Amino acid sequence: MATLATNVHVMDADGSAHVFGPADEVPEWAQVLITNPKAWQEAPAPRESTPVAPSAKKAAPAKRAAPRRKAGTDAVSDG
């Protein structure tokens, strides 16, 4: 059983803060997020399932350069 050595603050998937201490039973979702080895008195056993990945951010739309003008179309004539 995993045991914490100190109090830790963890944000869940909804953005709510949770505090766990040495006397608390730490849920599995929070164990994955506590990555500092110094926080654990007895670290959790490794799991075989995939780790929790941060949500993917949407990529910003690509910026496009303004189209180039053909030479001579906007030139002023000496006339």
Protein backbone atom coordinates (compact mmCIF):
# COMPACT_ATOMS: atom_id res chain seq x y z
CA MET A 1 0.00 0.00 0.00
CA ALA A 2 1.31 3.44 -0.96
CA THR A 3 1.94 5.83 1.93
CA LEU A 4 2.76 9.52 1.70
CA ALA A 5 5.58 11.04 3.75
CA THR A 6 4.16 14.57 3.56
CA ASN A 7 1.07 16.51 2.51
CA VAL A 8 0.60 16.97 -1.24
CA HIS A 9 -1.77 19.07 -3.34
CA VAL A 10 -3.16 17.50 -6.52
CA MET A 11 -5.51 18.91 -9.18
CA ASP A 12 -8.06 16.46 -10.60
CA ALA A 13 -9.25 16.35 -14.22
CA ASP A 14 -11.97 18.93 -13.45
CA GLY A 15 -9.46 21.41 -12.02
CA SER A 16 -10.49 20.88 -8.37
CA ALA A 17 -7.69 20.85 -5.78
CA HIS A 18 -7.31 17.91 -3.38
CA VAL A 19 -4.93 17.59 -0.42
CA PHE A 20 -3.62 14.19 0.69
CA GLY A 21 -1.45 13.46 3.72
CA PRO A 22 0.35 10.55 5.39
CA ALA A 23 -2.85 9.28 7.07
CA ASP A 24 -4.95 9.41 3.87
CA GLU A 25 -5.63 6.64 1.38
CA VAL A 26 -4.49 8.10 -1.95
CA PRO A 27 -6.75 7.16 -4.90
CA GLU A 28 -5.12 5.65 -7.95
CA TRP A 29 -5.74 8.72 -10.16
CA ALA A 30 -3.85 10.87 -7.63
CA GLN A 31 -1.00 8.36 -7.23
CA VAL A 32 -0.24 8.75 -10.94
CA LEU A 33 -0.04 12.54 -10.60
CA ILE A 34 2.30 12.55 -7.55
CA THR A 35 5.64 12.19 -9.30
CA ASN A 36 8.02 13.52 -6.63
CA PRO A 37 9.70 10.47 -5.04
CA LYS A 38 10.38 12.47 -1.86
CA ALA A 39 6.61 12.79 -1.29
CA TRP A 40 6.29 9.02 -0.76
CA GLN A 41 7.24 7.10 2.34
CA GLU A 42 6.29 3.92 0.48
CA ALA A 43 5.85 4.44 -3.26
CA PRO A 44 2.89 2.86 -5.07
CA ALA A 45 3.45 -0.37 -6.96
CA PRO A 46 3.99 0.10 -10.70
CA ARG A 47 0.85 -0.40 -12.76
CA GLU A 48 0.63 -2.25 -16.04
CA SER A 49 -1.98 0.09 -17.52
CA THR A 50 -1.13 3.15 -19.54
CA PRO A 51 -0.20 6.31 -17.62
CA VAL A 52 -2.47 9.34 -17.55
CA ALA A 53 -1.57 11.73 -20.34
CA PRO A 54 -2.28 15.46 -20.23
CA SER A 55 -5.07 16.60 -22.49
CA ALA A 56 -3.90 17.52 -25.98
CA LYS A 57 -4.01 21.22 -26.76
CA LYS A 58 -5.52 22.28 -30.03
CA ALA A 59 -2.92 23.53 -32.45
CA ALA A 60 -3.12 27.17 -33.42
CA PRO A 61 -4.14 27.76 -37.01
CA ALA A 62 -1.19 28.20 -39.33
CA LYS A 63 -0.41 31.79 -40.22
CA ARG A 64 -0.29 32.46 -43.89
CA ALA A 65 1.81 35.09 -45.58
CA ALA A 66 0.09 37.71 -47.71
CA PRO A 67 0.18 36.88 -51.43
CA ARG A 68 3.00 38.49 -53.36
CA ARG A 69 2.29 41.02 -56.07
CA LYS A 70 3.63 40.64 -59.55
CA ALA A 71 6.40 43.04 -60.45
CA GLY A 72 5.25 46.06 -62.45
CA THR A 73 1.54 45.91 -61.64
CA ASP A 74 1.70 48.70 -59.05
CA ALA A 75 4.68 50.56 -60.47
CA VAL A 76 4.35 54.28 -61.12
CA SER A 77 5.20 55.28 -64.71
CA ASP A 78 7.34 58.30 -65.63
CA GLY A 79 5.13 59.80 -68.19
